[in-house]
Protein backbone atom coordinates (compact mmCIF):
# COMPACT_ATOMS: atom_id res chain seq x y z
CA MET A 1 0.00 0.00 0.00
CA PRO A 2 2.80 2.55 0.64
CA ASP A 3 3.96 2.05 -2.96
CA LEU A 4 0.58 3.19 -4.21
CA GLY A 5 0.84 6.39 -2.17
CA LYS A 6 4.29 7.13 -3.58
CA LEU A 7 3.06 6.50 -7.10
CA LEU A 8 0.12 8.86 -6.63
CA VAL A 9 2.40 11.59 -5.29
CA VAL A 10 4.80 11.22 -8.23
CA VAL A 11 1.98 11.22 -10.79
CA GLY A 12 0.44 14.29 -9.14
CA LEU A 13 3.76 16.15 -9.23
CA LEU A 14 4.27 15.24 -12.90
CA ILE A 15 0.79 16.47 -13.80
CA ALA A 16 1.40 19.71 -11.88
CA ALA A 17 4.77 20.22 -13.62
CA ILE A 18 3.29 19.61 -17.07
CA GLY A 19 0.41 21.96 -16.28
CA ALA A 20 2.84 24.67 -15.17
CA LEU A 21 4.84 24.30 -18.40
CA VAL A 22 1.72 24.51 -20.55
CA TRP A 23 0.44 27.49 -18.56
CA ALA A 24 3.78 29.25 -19.02
CA GLY A 25 3.53 28.81 -22.80
CA PHE A 26 6.18 26.13 -23.27
CA GLY A 27 5.86 24.52 -26.68
CA ARG A 28 3.72 27.26 -28.14
CA GLY A 29 6.24 28.04 -30.88
CA TRP A 30 7.13 24.56 -32.10
CA LEU A 31 4.51 22.15 -30.80
CA GLY A 32 2.23 21.32 -33.71
CA ARG A 33 4.55 22.93 -36.25
CA LEU A 34 7.20 20.26 -36.59
CA PRO A 35 8.56 19.25 -40.00
CA GLY A 36 6.21 16.61 -41.34
CA ASP A 37 3.04 18.06 -39.83
CA ILE A 38 0.42 18.44 -42.53
CA HIS A 39 -0.94 21.92 -43.18
CA TYR A 40 -3.10 22.65 -46.20
CA SER A 41 -4.83 25.95 -46.83
CA ARG A 42 -6.79 27.48 -49.67
CA GLU A 43 -8.85 30.63 -50.05
CA ASN A 44 -11.52 29.86 -47.45
CA PHE A 45 -10.40 26.45 -46.15
CA SER A 46 -7.60 25.39 -43.85
CA PHE A 47 -6.67 21.90 -42.65
CA HIS A 48 -3.98 21.11 -40.11
CA PHE A 49 -2.99 17.65 -38.87
CA PRO A 50 0.05 17.48 -36.56
CA TRP A 51 1.22 14.04 -37.71
CA VAL A 52 4.81 14.20 -36.43
CA THR A 53 3.76 15.92 -33.20
CA CYS A 54 1.33 13.06 -32.50
CA LEU A 55 4.06 10.49 -33.13
CA LEU A 56 6.51 12.33 -30.86
CA LEU A 57 3.99 12.60 -28.01
CA SER A 58 3.10 8.93 -28.45
CA VAL A 59 6.74 7.88 -28.12
CA ILE A 60 7.25 10.06 -25.04
CA LEU A 61 4.10 8.78 -23.32
CA THR A 62 5.03 5.18 -24.19
CA LEU A 63 8.46 5.63 -22.60
CA VAL A 64 6.94 7.17 -19.47
CA ALA A 65 4.41 4.33 -19.18
CA TRP A 66 7.18 1.77 -19.71
CA CYS A 67 9.25 3.36 -16.91
CA PHE A 68 6.29 3.21 -14.50
CA ARG A 69 5.70 -0.47 -15.24
CA ARG A 70 9.23 -1.40 -14.18
């Protein structure tokens, strides 16, 4: 049971740290505008799909989940 408490504290601190970074504007300039992200625009239509950003976030979250399983 003490391990569960430690895990909850660590997860809470990570969520608070990520929230503070997002609130401060970290990633605003490059997140979603990486090379390989699809952006298509015409006269009155715009489509944006952050393909590479999704892959990068998936890899990071997979590594974090893998570290917590060990």
